[in-house]
N, C-alpha and C. Protein backbone atom coordinates (compact mmCIF):
# COMPACT_ATOMS: atom_id res chain seq x y z
N MET A 1 174.17 94.86 69.05
CA MET A 1 173.32 94.76 70.09
C MET A 1 173.62 95.71 71.29
N LEU A 2 172.68 96.39 71.86
CA LEU A 2 172.71 97.41 72.84
C LEU A 2 173.17 96.63 74.04
N PRO A 3 173.97 97.18 74.93
CA PRO A 3 174.25 96.62 76.35
C PRO A 3 172.93 96.58 77.04
N LEU A 4 172.81 95.71 77.96
CA LEU A 4 171.52 95.61 78.73
C LEU A 4 171.34 96.60 79.72
N ARG A 5 172.33 97.41 80.23
CA ARG A 5 172.09 98.36 81.05
C ARG A 5 171.44 99.74 80.37
N LEU A 6 172.07 99.83 79.02
CA LEU A 6 171.58 101.09 78.18
C LEU A 6 170.13 100.69 77.71
N LEU A 7 169.69 99.60 77.45
CA LEU A 7 168.36 99.16 77.08
C LEU A 7 167.51 99.43 78.13
N LEU A 8 167.88 99.20 79.32
CA LEU A 8 166.95 99.48 80.45
C LEU A 8 166.78 100.99 80.64
N LEU A 9 167.80 101.76 80.45
CA LEU A 9 167.80 103.08 80.85
C LEU A 9 166.64 103.79 79.55
N LEU A 10 166.71 103.03 78.49
CA LEU A 10 165.88 103.63 77.38
C LEU A 10 164.49 103.36 77.63
N LEU A 11 164.34 102.03 78.16
CA LEU A 11 162.92 101.57 78.44
C LEU A 11 162.17 102.18 79.78
N LEU A 12 162.96 102.73 80.61
CA LEU A 12 162.29 103.49 81.80
C LEU A 12 161.39 104.49 81.64
N PRO A 13 161.82 105.42 80.82
CA PRO A 13 160.83 106.62 80.35
C PRO A 13 159.35 106.15 79.70
N LEU A 14 159.85 104.97 78.92
CA LEU A 14 158.68 104.45 78.15
C LEU A 14 157.87 103.90 79.28
N SER A 15 158.36 103.08 80.25
CA SER A 15 157.38 102.50 81.24
C SER A 15 156.59 103.47 82.16
N ALA A 16 157.35 104.67 82.32
CA ALA A 16 156.70 105.49 83.20
C ALA A 16 155.56 106.13 82.22
N CYS A 17 155.90 106.25 80.97
CA CYS A 17 154.87 107.07 80.20
C CYS A 17 153.70 106.11 80.11
N MET A 18 153.81 104.86 79.92
CA MET A 18 152.64 103.93 79.95
C MET A 18 151.87 103.89 81.09
N ARG A 19 152.81 103.70 82.17
CA ARG A 19 151.96 103.69 83.53
C ARG A 19 151.28 105.08 83.75
N ALA A 20 151.67 106.15 83.48
CA ALA A 20 150.70 107.49 83.63
C ALA A 20 149.70 107.35 82.58
N ASN A 21 149.84 106.76 81.35
CA ASN A 21 148.63 106.74 80.54
C ASN A 21 147.66 105.75 81.12
N LEU A 22 147.95 104.65 81.52
CA LEU A 22 147.08 103.85 82.20
C LEU A 22 146.32 104.31 83.25
N LEU A 23 146.92 105.09 84.19
CA LEU A 23 146.32 105.64 85.18
C LEU A 23 145.26 106.80 84.90
N SER A 24 145.64 107.50 83.91
CA SER A 24 144.80 108.50 83.11
C SER A 24 143.58 108.15 82.50
N ASN A 25 143.52 106.83 82.19
CA ASN A 25 142.41 106.10 81.42
C ASN A 25 141.70 105.23 82.55
N THR A 26 142.00 105.08 83.82
CA THR A 26 141.08 104.46 84.71
C THR A 26 140.12 105.39 85.34
N PRO A 27 138.76 105.06 85.22
CA PRO A 27 137.86 105.84 85.63
C PRO A 27 137.93 106.15 87.11
N VAL A 28 137.67 107.29 87.44
CA VAL A 28 137.62 107.72 89.07
C VAL A 28 136.07 107.69 89.46
N VAL A 29 135.76 106.83 90.37
CA VAL A 29 134.55 106.87 90.83
C VAL A 29 134.40 107.86 91.86
N GLN A 30 133.44 108.80 91.56
CA GLN A 30 133.10 109.93 92.49
C GLN A 30 131.85 109.62 93.32
N PRO A 31 132.03 110.02 94.63
CA PRO A 31 130.83 109.80 95.40
C PRO A 31 129.65 110.52 94.75
N PRO A 32 128.36 110.01 95.03
CA PRO A 32 127.17 110.94 94.60
C PRO A 32 127.04 112.17 95.34
N SER A 33 126.57 113.19 94.50
CA SER A 33 126.48 114.42 94.96
C SER A 33 125.33 114.64 95.85
N GLU A 34 125.38 115.62 96.73
CA GLU A 34 124.17 115.78 97.82
C GLU A 34 122.97 115.78 97.01
N ALA A 35 122.72 116.30 95.98
CA ALA A 35 121.47 116.51 95.14
C ALA A 35 121.08 114.99 94.87
N ARG A 36 121.96 114.39 94.24
CA ARG A 36 121.60 112.92 93.71
C ARG A 36 121.37 112.08 95.00
N GLN A 37 122.01 112.18 96.04
CA GLN A 37 121.61 111.49 97.25
C GLN A 37 120.05 111.88 97.86
N ALA A 38 119.80 113.14 97.67
CA ALA A 38 118.51 113.57 98.11
C ALA A 38 117.48 113.10 97.04
N PHE A 39 117.86 113.17 95.87
CA PHE A 39 116.79 112.59 94.66
C PHE A 39 116.68 111.02 94.94
N ASP A 40 117.70 110.28 95.23
CA ASP A 40 117.55 108.81 95.42
C ASP A 40 116.75 108.59 96.73
N ALA A 41 116.90 109.39 97.73
CA ALA A 41 116.05 109.03 98.88
C ALA A 41 114.72 109.44 98.78
N ALA A 42 114.36 110.68 98.10
CA ALA A 42 112.99 111.05 97.76
C ALA A 42 112.22 110.06 96.81
N THR A 43 113.00 109.41 95.71
CA THR A 43 112.44 108.61 94.96
C THR A 43 112.04 107.33 95.71
N ALA A 44 112.88 106.81 96.56
CA ALA A 44 112.59 105.58 97.25
C ALA A 44 111.29 105.91 98.18
N ALA A 45 111.11 106.84 98.79
CA ALA A 45 110.07 107.17 99.55
C ALA A 45 108.79 107.36 98.77
N LEU A 46 109.01 107.97 97.50
CA LEU A 46 107.84 107.98 96.41
C LEU A 46 107.20 106.62 96.12
N ARG A 47 108.38 105.83 95.68
CA ARG A 47 107.95 104.35 95.40
C ARG A 47 107.23 103.64 96.16
N GLN A 48 107.76 103.82 97.59
CA GLN A 48 107.19 102.97 98.68
C GLN A 48 105.84 103.53 98.99
N ASN A 49 105.64 104.79 98.86
CA ASN A 49 104.34 105.29 99.24
C ASN A 49 103.27 105.26 98.18
N TYR A 50 103.50 105.31 96.99
CA TYR A 50 102.70 105.50 95.83
C TYR A 50 102.80 104.27 94.89
N LEU A 51 103.95 103.70 94.83
CA LEU A 51 103.81 102.73 93.52
C LEU A 51 104.00 101.28 94.14
N ASP A 52 104.86 101.01 95.02
CA ASP A 52 104.94 99.68 95.57
C ASP A 52 103.44 99.05 95.90
N ARG A 53 103.32 97.75 95.51
CA ARG A 53 101.99 97.09 95.63
C ARG A 53 101.57 97.28 97.20
N ASP A 54 100.42 97.62 97.59
CA ASP A 54 99.93 97.79 98.84
C ASP A 54 99.81 96.55 99.39
N THR A 55 100.16 96.62 100.90
CA THR A 55 99.99 95.13 101.61
C THR A 55 98.91 95.22 102.60
N VAL A 56 97.85 96.36 102.60
CA VAL A 56 96.94 96.42 103.32
C VAL A 56 95.67 95.78 102.72
N PRO A 57 95.03 95.07 103.27
CA PRO A 57 93.66 94.33 102.72
C PRO A 57 92.80 95.51 102.41
N GLY A 58 91.99 95.10 101.21
CA GLY A 58 91.19 96.19 100.71
C GLY A 58 89.95 96.19 101.64
N PRO A 59 88.82 97.05 101.16
CA PRO A 59 87.62 97.13 101.97
C PRO A 59 86.94 95.68 102.17
N VAL A 60 86.60 95.42 103.37
CA VAL A 60 85.65 94.34 103.73
C VAL A 60 84.26 94.48 103.47
N VAL A 61 83.83 94.76 102.00
CA VAL A 61 82.59 94.99 101.73
C VAL A 61 82.05 94.31 100.55
N SER A 62 81.02 94.15 100.09
CA SER A 62 80.63 93.39 98.89
C SER A 62 81.12 94.23 97.64
N HIS A 63 81.49 93.62 96.77
CA HIS A 63 82.04 94.13 95.37
C HIS A 63 81.13 93.76 94.19
N THR A 64 79.79 93.40 94.67
CA THR A 64 78.58 93.37 93.61
C THR A 64 78.24 94.67 93.24
N PRO A 65 78.15 94.92 91.86
CA PRO A 65 77.51 96.09 91.49
C PRO A 65 76.09 96.49 91.91
N GLN A 66 75.91 97.78 92.16
CA GLN A 66 74.61 98.15 92.59
C GLN A 66 74.20 99.12 91.58
N THR A 67 72.72 99.07 91.22
CA THR A 67 72.29 100.11 90.15
C THR A 67 70.98 100.76 90.80
N GLN A 68 70.72 101.83 90.50
CA GLN A 68 69.51 102.71 90.64
C GLN A 68 68.91 103.23 89.40
N SER A 69 67.56 103.33 89.21
CA SER A 69 67.22 103.68 87.91
C SER A 69 66.04 104.87 88.17
N ASP A 70 66.03 105.78 87.38
CA ASP A 70 65.28 106.90 87.52
C ASP A 70 64.47 107.33 86.17
N GLY A 71 63.66 106.45 85.81
CA GLY A 71 62.94 106.62 84.36
C GLY A 71 63.78 106.74 83.18
N HIS A 72 64.44 107.90 82.79
CA HIS A 72 65.17 107.90 81.49
C HIS A 72 66.74 107.51 81.91
N PHE A 73 66.80 107.25 83.04
CA PHE A 73 68.31 107.35 83.74
C PHE A 73 68.67 106.18 84.42
N SER A 74 69.81 105.45 84.38
CA SER A 74 70.25 104.62 85.38
C SER A 74 71.72 104.68 85.57
N VAL A 75 72.15 104.47 86.95
CA VAL A 75 73.59 104.58 87.35
C VAL A 75 73.84 103.11 87.96
N THR A 76 75.03 102.84 87.74
CA THR A 76 75.70 101.52 88.42
C THR A 76 77.04 101.83 89.04
N VAL A 77 77.25 101.36 90.26
CA VAL A 77 78.43 101.59 90.87
C VAL A 77 79.22 100.23 91.52
N THR A 78 80.44 100.23 91.42
CA THR A 78 81.02 99.19 91.96
C THR A 78 82.53 99.53 92.60
N PRO A 79 82.83 99.21 93.65
CA PRO A 79 84.10 99.32 94.33
C PRO A 79 85.17 98.52 93.53
N VAL A 80 86.30 99.16 93.29
CA VAL A 80 87.21 98.38 92.50
C VAL A 80 88.68 98.74 93.15
N ARG A 81 89.61 98.16 92.61
CA ARG A 81 91.04 98.24 93.23
C ARG A 81 91.91 98.67 92.01
N ALA A 82 92.71 99.93 92.48
CA ALA A 82 93.47 100.49 91.42
C ALA A 82 94.42 99.64 90.85
N GLU A 83 95.04 98.88 91.91
CA GLU A 83 96.12 98.01 91.42
C GLU A 83 95.77 96.96 90.33
N ALA A 84 94.40 96.72 90.27
CA ALA A 84 93.95 95.69 89.39
C ALA A 84 93.75 96.13 87.87
N GLN A 85 93.80 97.61 87.88
CA GLN A 85 93.18 98.17 86.46
C GLN A 85 94.34 98.02 85.36
N PRO A 86 93.84 97.70 84.19
CA PRO A 86 94.88 97.74 83.01
C PRO A 86 95.67 99.00 82.86
N TRP A 87 95.05 100.07 83.12
CA TRP A 87 95.94 101.39 82.95
C TRP A 87 96.85 101.77 84.09
N ASN A 88 96.91 100.66 84.99
CA ASN A 88 97.86 101.04 86.09
C ASN A 88 98.94 99.91 86.17
N VAL A 89 99.04 99.11 85.21
CA VAL A 89 100.14 98.05 85.00
C VAL A 89 101.45 98.59 84.70
N TRP A 90 102.69 98.17 85.19
CA TRP A 90 103.88 98.50 84.90
C TRP A 90 104.77 97.36 84.88
N PRO A 91 105.81 97.23 84.03
CA PRO A 91 106.64 95.88 83.79
C PRO A 91 107.30 95.45 84.78
N ASP A 92 107.79 96.26 85.78
CA ASP A 92 108.38 95.78 87.01
C ASP A 92 107.57 95.31 88.21
N GLY A 93 106.22 95.39 87.92
CA GLY A 93 105.33 94.78 88.93
C GLY A 93 104.70 95.79 89.93
N THR A 94 105.27 97.11 89.70
CA THR A 94 104.72 98.11 90.61
C THR A 94 103.46 98.70 89.78
N ALA A 95 102.85 99.59 90.60
CA ALA A 95 101.75 100.20 89.95
C ALA A 95 102.30 101.41 88.93
N ARG A 96 101.64 101.37 87.94
CA ARG A 96 102.33 102.33 86.90
C ARG A 96 102.01 103.93 87.57
N LEU A 97 100.86 104.04 88.19
CA LEU A 97 100.76 105.60 88.58
C LEU A 97 100.56 105.64 90.20
N PHE A 98 99.77 104.92 90.98
CA PHE A 98 99.63 104.76 92.15
C PHE A 98 98.84 103.46 92.75
N ASN A 99 99.24 103.11 93.77
CA ASN A 99 98.68 101.83 94.58
C ASN A 99 97.49 102.15 95.21
N ASP A 100 96.91 100.95 95.91
CA ASP A 100 95.66 101.12 96.48
C ASP A 100 95.74 101.83 97.83
N ALA A 101 96.83 102.23 98.30
CA ALA A 101 96.98 103.04 99.37
C ALA A 101 96.51 104.47 99.36
N VAL A 102 96.48 104.95 98.13
CA VAL A 102 96.11 106.30 97.87
C VAL A 102 94.68 106.75 98.15
N GLY A 103 93.72 105.76 98.12
CA GLY A 103 92.37 105.96 98.26
C GLY A 103 91.48 104.80 97.69
N TYR A 104 90.19 105.18 97.78
CA TYR A 104 89.08 104.35 97.49
C TYR A 104 88.77 104.68 95.96
N LEU A 105 88.74 103.56 95.01
CA LEU A 105 88.56 103.78 93.60
C LEU A 105 87.08 103.04 93.34
N TRP A 106 86.33 103.73 92.43
CA TRP A 106 84.98 103.30 92.28
C TRP A 106 84.81 103.23 90.67
N LEU A 107 84.14 102.27 90.20
CA LEU A 107 83.62 102.14 88.72
C LEU A 107 82.15 102.67 88.58
N VAL A 108 82.00 103.71 87.95
CA VAL A 108 80.58 104.44 87.59
C VAL A 108 80.17 104.08 86.32
N GLN A 109 79.01 103.47 86.14
CA GLN A 109 78.43 103.43 84.61
C GLN A 109 77.27 104.24 84.64
N LEU A 110 76.96 105.08 83.63
CA LEU A 110 75.87 105.91 83.41
C LEU A 110 75.06 105.54 82.15
N ARG A 111 73.72 105.55 82.11
CA ARG A 111 72.96 105.24 80.95
C ARG A 111 71.85 106.04 80.88
N SER A 112 71.76 106.93 79.97
CA SER A 112 70.70 107.87 79.78
C SER A 112 70.35 108.20 78.29
N VAL A 113 68.99 108.51 78.17
CA VAL A 113 68.54 108.98 76.83
C VAL A 113 68.55 110.49 76.77
N ARG A 114 68.99 111.21 77.65
CA ARG A 114 69.24 112.71 77.90
C ARG A 114 70.60 112.81 78.07
N ASP A 115 70.89 114.24 78.11
CA ASP A 115 72.42 114.63 78.61
C ASP A 115 72.40 114.46 80.05
N VAL A 116 73.49 113.79 80.50
CA VAL A 116 73.68 113.68 81.83
C VAL A 116 75.39 113.91 82.13
N ARG A 117 75.49 114.33 83.33
CA ARG A 117 77.09 114.54 83.65
C ARG A 117 77.21 114.21 85.22
N TRP A 118 78.32 113.76 85.45
CA TRP A 118 78.80 113.62 87.02
C TRP A 118 78.96 114.92 87.55
N SER A 119 78.42 115.04 88.93
CA SER A 119 78.57 116.40 89.75
C SER A 119 79.39 116.15 90.77
N PRO A 120 80.93 116.54 90.73
CA PRO A 120 81.77 116.25 91.96
C PRO A 120 81.26 116.92 93.12
N ALA A 121 80.86 118.02 92.94
CA ALA A 121 80.56 118.76 94.10
C ALA A 121 79.51 118.20 95.00
N HIS A 122 78.61 117.28 94.42
CA HIS A 122 77.51 116.42 95.02
C HIS A 122 77.76 114.98 95.24
N THR A 123 79.09 114.71 95.27
CA THR A 123 79.50 113.38 95.52
C THR A 123 80.50 113.17 96.69
N ARG A 124 80.36 112.15 97.60
CA ARG A 124 81.12 111.80 98.65
C ARG A 124 80.96 110.53 99.29
N LEU A 125 81.97 110.29 99.96
CA LEU A 125 81.97 108.54 100.38
C LEU A 125 82.18 108.70 101.90
N ALA A 126 81.22 107.94 102.58
CA ALA A 126 81.34 107.80 103.98
C ALA A 126 81.80 106.42 104.34
N VAL A 127 82.91 106.35 105.04
CA VAL A 127 83.49 105.11 105.44
C VAL A 127 83.21 104.75 106.80
N ASN A 128 82.64 103.62 107.09
CA ASN A 128 82.23 103.06 108.27
C ASN A 128 81.26 103.80 109.02
N ASP A 129 81.30 105.02 109.06
CA ASP A 129 80.39 106.05 109.64
C ASP A 129 80.38 107.43 108.91
N THR A 130 79.35 108.08 109.23
CA THR A 130 79.16 109.38 108.52
C THR A 130 80.26 110.46 108.91
N GLU A 131 80.98 110.18 110.10
CA GLU A 131 81.85 111.16 110.42
C GLU A 131 83.25 111.06 109.74
N GLN A 132 83.39 109.93 109.19
CA GLN A 132 84.67 109.63 108.22
C GLN A 132 84.23 109.85 106.68
N THR A 133 84.01 111.00 106.29
CA THR A 133 83.65 111.33 104.78
C THR A 133 84.70 112.06 104.00
N PHE A 134 84.86 111.30 102.72
CA PHE A 134 85.81 111.67 101.79
C PHE A 134 85.26 112.28 100.59
N PHE A 135 86.03 113.07 99.85
CA PHE A 135 85.53 113.74 98.75
C PHE A 135 86.21 113.15 97.55
N PRO A 136 85.75 113.11 96.23
CA PRO A 136 86.41 112.66 95.10
C PRO A 136 87.37 113.78 94.40
N VAL A 137 88.40 113.35 93.72
CA VAL A 137 89.25 114.15 92.92
C VAL A 137 88.53 114.48 91.59
N ALA A 138 88.31 115.56 91.04
CA ALA A 138 87.43 115.85 89.96
C ALA A 138 88.16 115.63 88.58
N GLN A 139 89.50 115.75 88.45
CA GLN A 139 90.20 115.43 87.49
C GLN A 139 91.35 114.44 87.38
N ALA A 140 91.56 113.66 86.60
CA ALA A 140 92.62 112.59 86.72
C ALA A 140 94.09 113.21 87.12
N ASP A 141 94.45 114.27 86.47
CA ASP A 141 95.74 115.03 86.75
C ASP A 141 95.99 115.32 88.15
N ASP A 142 94.92 115.59 88.83
CA ASP A 142 95.04 115.98 90.38
C ASP A 142 95.54 114.69 91.06
N LEU A 143 95.52 113.68 90.44
CA LEU A 143 96.27 112.43 91.36
C LEU A 143 97.64 112.20 91.00
N LEU A 144 98.02 112.92 90.03
CA LEU A 144 99.54 112.55 89.53
C LEU A 144 100.53 113.54 89.92
N GLY A 145 100.37 114.33 91.15
CA GLY A 145 101.08 115.33 91.42
C GLY A 145 102.49 114.72 91.69
N HIS A 146 102.50 113.45 92.56
CA HIS A 146 103.66 113.00 92.98
C HIS A 146 104.54 112.49 91.85
N LEU A 147 104.05 112.01 90.57
CA LEU A 147 104.77 111.63 89.59
C LEU A 147 105.23 112.91 88.85
N LEU A 148 104.48 114.04 88.82
CA LEU A 148 104.91 115.31 88.14
C LEU A 148 106.09 115.85 88.88
N GLN A 149 106.23 115.71 90.22
CA GLN A 149 107.25 116.33 90.89
C GLN A 149 108.36 115.47 90.84
N GLY A 150 108.18 114.09 90.99
CA GLY A 150 109.32 113.30 90.62
C GLY A 150 110.08 113.40 89.32
N ALA A 151 109.23 113.78 88.43
CA ALA A 151 109.83 113.87 87.00
C ALA A 151 110.65 115.27 87.01
N LYS A 152 110.37 116.15 87.71
CA LYS A 152 110.83 117.51 87.76
C LYS A 152 112.15 117.26 88.46
N TRP A 153 112.36 116.44 89.48
CA TRP A 153 113.53 116.11 90.20
C TRP A 153 114.43 115.36 89.26
N GLU A 154 113.86 114.55 88.52
CA GLU A 154 114.78 113.66 87.77
C GLU A 154 115.36 114.61 86.42
N THR A 155 114.80 115.47 86.05
CA THR A 155 115.29 116.42 85.00
C THR A 155 116.33 117.18 85.53
N ARG A 156 116.04 117.82 86.80
CA ARG A 156 116.94 118.71 87.54
C ARG A 156 118.16 118.17 87.91
N VAL A 157 118.12 117.00 88.38
CA VAL A 157 119.31 116.20 88.92
C VAL A 157 120.03 115.53 87.74
N GLY A 158 119.40 115.14 86.80
CA GLY A 158 119.75 114.31 85.67
C GLY A 158 120.15 112.87 86.08
N ALA A 159 119.25 112.32 87.00
CA ALA A 159 119.52 111.13 87.54
C ALA A 159 118.59 110.12 86.72
N PRO A 160 119.11 108.92 86.42
CA PRO A 160 118.18 107.78 85.79
C PRO A 160 116.92 107.45 86.64
N SER A 161 115.92 107.36 86.02
CA SER A 161 114.66 107.26 86.82
C SER A 161 113.51 106.88 85.68
N ASN A 162 112.34 106.41 86.04
CA ASN A 162 111.27 106.16 85.13
C ASN A 162 110.07 106.98 85.41
N LEU A 163 110.39 107.85 86.39
CA LEU A 163 109.02 108.72 86.79
C LEU A 163 108.55 109.57 85.62
N ASP A 164 109.31 110.30 84.76
CA ASP A 164 108.88 110.87 83.66
C ASP A 164 108.07 110.00 82.66
N LEU A 165 108.68 108.73 82.59
CA LEU A 165 107.99 107.90 81.55
C LEU A 165 106.77 107.44 81.91
N ARG A 166 106.54 107.04 83.39
CA ARG A 166 105.29 106.85 83.91
C ARG A 166 104.28 107.92 83.61
N MET A 167 104.70 109.26 83.80
CA MET A 167 103.90 110.33 83.58
C MET A 167 103.36 110.43 82.26
N ARG A 168 104.27 110.05 81.22
CA ARG A 168 103.89 110.25 79.93
C ARG A 168 103.12 109.04 79.45
N ASN A 169 102.76 108.02 80.29
CA ASN A 169 102.02 106.93 79.98
C ASN A 169 100.70 106.81 80.75
N ALA A 170 100.26 108.06 81.06
CA ALA A 170 99.11 108.25 81.94
C ALA A 170 97.78 108.52 81.26
N ASP A 171 98.03 108.53 79.89
CA ASP A 171 96.64 108.95 79.13
C ASP A 171 95.68 107.89 79.21
N ASP A 172 95.93 106.54 79.39
CA ASP A 172 95.01 105.62 79.46
C ASP A 172 94.06 105.85 80.60
N PHE A 173 94.98 106.25 81.73
CA PHE A 173 94.11 106.64 83.00
C PHE A 173 93.11 107.80 82.96
N ARG A 174 93.78 108.92 82.12
CA ARG A 174 92.92 110.12 81.96
C ARG A 174 91.62 109.97 81.19
N ARG A 175 91.92 108.85 80.27
CA ARG A 175 90.62 108.54 79.36
C ARG A 175 89.56 107.74 80.39
N ALA A 176 90.11 107.05 81.18
CA ALA A 176 89.38 106.13 82.09
C ALA A 176 88.74 107.01 83.18
N TYR A 177 89.19 108.11 83.60
CA TYR A 177 88.25 109.01 84.69
C TYR A 177 87.14 109.52 83.98
N LEU A 178 86.12 109.36 85.00
CA LEU A 178 84.76 110.01 84.66
C LEU A 178 84.64 111.51 84.32
N GLY A 179 84.26 111.92 83.20
CA GLY A 179 84.07 113.29 82.95
C GLY A 179 83.04 113.89 83.43
N THR A 180 83.10 115.27 83.36
CA THR A 180 81.90 116.09 83.67
C THR A 180 81.30 116.82 82.69
N ASP A 181 81.53 116.50 81.51
CA ASP A 181 80.94 117.04 80.16
C ASP A 181 79.50 116.21 80.03
N PRO A 182 78.29 117.07 79.77
CA PRO A 182 77.16 116.42 79.34
C PRO A 182 77.40 115.46 78.37
N ARG A 183 76.62 114.44 78.30
CA ARG A 183 76.59 113.37 77.43
C ARG A 183 75.39 112.52 77.66
N LYS A 184 74.86 112.07 76.38
CA LYS A 184 73.51 111.03 76.39
C LYS A 184 74.22 109.61 75.90
N GLY A 185 73.45 108.72 76.16
CA GLY A 185 73.77 107.18 75.85
C GLY A 185 74.75 106.74 77.00
N ASP A 186 75.61 105.79 76.77
CA ASP A 186 76.28 104.90 77.80
C ASP A 186 77.66 105.62 78.07
N ARG A 187 78.14 105.93 79.24
CA ARG A 187 79.40 106.19 79.53
C ARG A 187 79.84 105.36 80.75
N GLU A 188 81.06 105.32 80.87
CA GLU A 188 81.65 104.62 81.95
C GLU A 188 83.05 105.22 82.45
N GLY A 189 83.23 105.11 83.74
CA GLY A 189 84.66 105.90 84.37
C GLY A 189 84.84 105.55 85.74
N VAL A 190 85.99 105.92 86.08
CA VAL A 190 86.35 105.64 87.48
C VAL A 190 86.50 106.96 88.38
N LEU A 191 86.35 106.91 89.67
CA LEU A 191 86.41 108.01 90.34
C LEU A 191 87.26 107.59 91.53
N LEU A 192 88.14 108.36 92.15
CA LEU A 192 88.95 108.12 93.40
C LEU A 192 88.62 109.08 94.43
N PHE A 193 88.54 108.44 95.73
CA PHE A 193 88.41 109.23 96.94
C PHE A 193 89.59 109.13 97.62
N PRO A 194 90.57 110.28 97.66
CA PRO A 194 91.83 110.12 98.48
C PRO A 194 91.46 110.03 99.78
N ALA A 195 92.19 108.93 100.63
CA ALA A 195 91.86 108.57 101.88
C ALA A 195 93.02 107.77 102.48
N PRO A 196 93.27 107.94 103.74
CA PRO A 196 94.38 107.20 104.45
C PRO A 196 94.11 105.65 104.62
N THR A 197 94.01 104.94 103.62
CA THR A 197 93.41 103.53 103.70
C THR A 197 94.29 102.53 104.47
N ARG A 198 95.67 102.89 104.52
CA ARG A 198 96.45 102.13 105.33
C ARG A 198 95.98 102.22 106.85
N ASN A 199 95.49 103.28 107.18
CA ASN A 199 95.04 103.36 108.57
C ASN A 199 93.58 103.32 109.02
N LEU A 200 92.99 102.76 107.94
CA LEU A 200 91.50 102.79 108.11
C LEU A 200 90.85 101.42 107.41
N GLN A 201 90.29 100.53 108.12
CA GLN A 201 89.78 99.25 107.60
C GLN A 201 88.32 99.35 107.44
N ALA A 202 88.01 99.42 106.01
CA ALA A 202 86.66 99.84 105.62
C ALA A 202 85.87 98.45 105.72
N VAL A 203 84.75 98.62 106.67
CA VAL A 203 83.71 97.55 106.71
C VAL A 203 82.41 97.85 106.24
N ALA A 204 82.13 99.08 105.96
CA ALA A 204 80.99 99.73 105.44
C ALA A 204 81.19 100.78 104.57
N MET A 205 80.64 101.23 103.41
CA MET A 205 80.92 102.23 102.82
C MET A 205 79.52 102.76 102.03
N GLU A 206 79.28 104.09 102.19
CA GLU A 206 77.97 104.67 101.51
C GLU A 206 78.52 105.68 100.65
N LEU A 207 78.45 105.44 99.38
CA LEU A 207 78.75 106.29 98.09
C LEU A 207 77.45 107.16 98.00
N THR A 208 77.55 108.48 97.93
CA THR A 208 76.75 109.40 97.38
C THR A 208 77.11 109.99 96.23
N LEU A 209 76.49 109.67 95.05
CA LEU A 209 76.83 109.99 93.68
C LEU A 209 76.02 111.24 93.18
N GLY A 210 76.57 112.37 92.77
CA GLY A 210 75.66 113.25 92.32
C GLY A 210 75.82 113.33 90.73
N VAL A 211 74.45 113.29 90.16
CA VAL A 211 74.41 113.40 88.89
C VAL A 211 73.41 114.42 88.30
N TRP A 212 73.90 115.29 87.20
CA TRP A 212 73.17 116.23 86.70
C TRP A 212 72.56 115.68 85.39
N SER A 213 71.27 115.80 85.15
CA SER A 213 70.61 115.39 83.90
C SER A 213 69.78 116.51 83.51
N GLU A 214 69.62 116.52 82.23
CA GLU A 214 68.86 117.50 81.40
C GLU A 214 67.42 117.55 81.80
N GLY A 215 66.83 118.54 82.18
CA GLY A 215 65.50 118.71 82.66
C GLY A 215 65.27 118.37 84.08
N ASP A 216 66.25 117.88 84.75
CA ASP A 216 65.84 117.34 86.21
C ASP A 216 66.94 118.26 87.21
N GLY A 217 68.03 118.58 86.70
CA GLY A 217 69.07 119.14 87.39
C GLY A 217 69.89 118.27 88.15
N VAL A 218 70.56 118.43 89.33
CA VAL A 218 71.26 117.45 89.99
C VAL A 218 70.52 116.68 90.96
N ARG A 219 70.73 115.44 91.20
CA ARG A 219 70.19 114.65 92.06
C ARG A 219 71.28 113.72 92.59
N GLU A 220 70.96 113.36 93.93
CA GLU A 220 72.04 112.50 94.45
C GLU A 220 71.27 111.18 94.86
N TYR A 221 72.18 110.15 94.46
CA TYR A 221 71.89 108.64 94.42
C TYR A 221 73.04 108.11 95.56
N ARG A 222 72.31 107.41 96.52
CA ARG A 222 72.99 106.65 97.58
C ARG A 222 73.02 105.17 97.29
N PHE A 223 74.48 104.53 97.81
CA PHE A 223 74.66 103.21 97.54
C PHE A 223 75.22 102.78 98.91
N LEU A 224 74.68 101.85 99.59
CA LEU A 224 75.38 101.26 100.64
C LEU A 224 76.06 99.86 100.39
N PHE A 225 77.26 99.72 100.84
CA PHE A 225 78.11 98.66 100.65
C PHE A 225 78.55 98.21 102.03
N GLU A 226 78.13 96.80 102.35
CA GLU A 226 78.46 96.21 103.59
C GLU A 226 79.18 94.91 103.32
């Protein structure tokens, strides 16, 4: 049997080796980079401004659909909320794409025996008075710039986020947006008028909807909601 002193001398290098190995396997927590900190701050602001459920009450107007008919053609419009739409639901309770603070959303239903199409250039929304007039976005993707920019940040920084996933799940919204291609029969779609809704309490809204129809050209239809 080895003397105790000799045994301790033999064990000392092994103990030091084990200690060094343990320290080398201990993960070192590095502080987040400046790019990651900037990404986190920008994502938090984006989420608050565009995705968190809006706390401002919606327009204080009637939400009963209104219809106008013109011979072969009829149009029905209804103010709706973006946060209540099926294409805008996300598992964590936020809006998938954008909240109600982005602007005023309308559901439009067209019915015609001739080719008709929506005319963005002849469409506008007056809120409370005619001096506060807003214009619609012509294409759905024009409303997704915040998600596209966030997805680019996500890729560049390599940080975990779901902005790219939200962007890739926007097809239902694209299909729901009112198109501008001529079509006969029934069609339905939404329109959005970007507006500072958090700073504007709507108590009256006048929607002017421009519609082109075969044989008649463009006509404007006005709907007053109070």
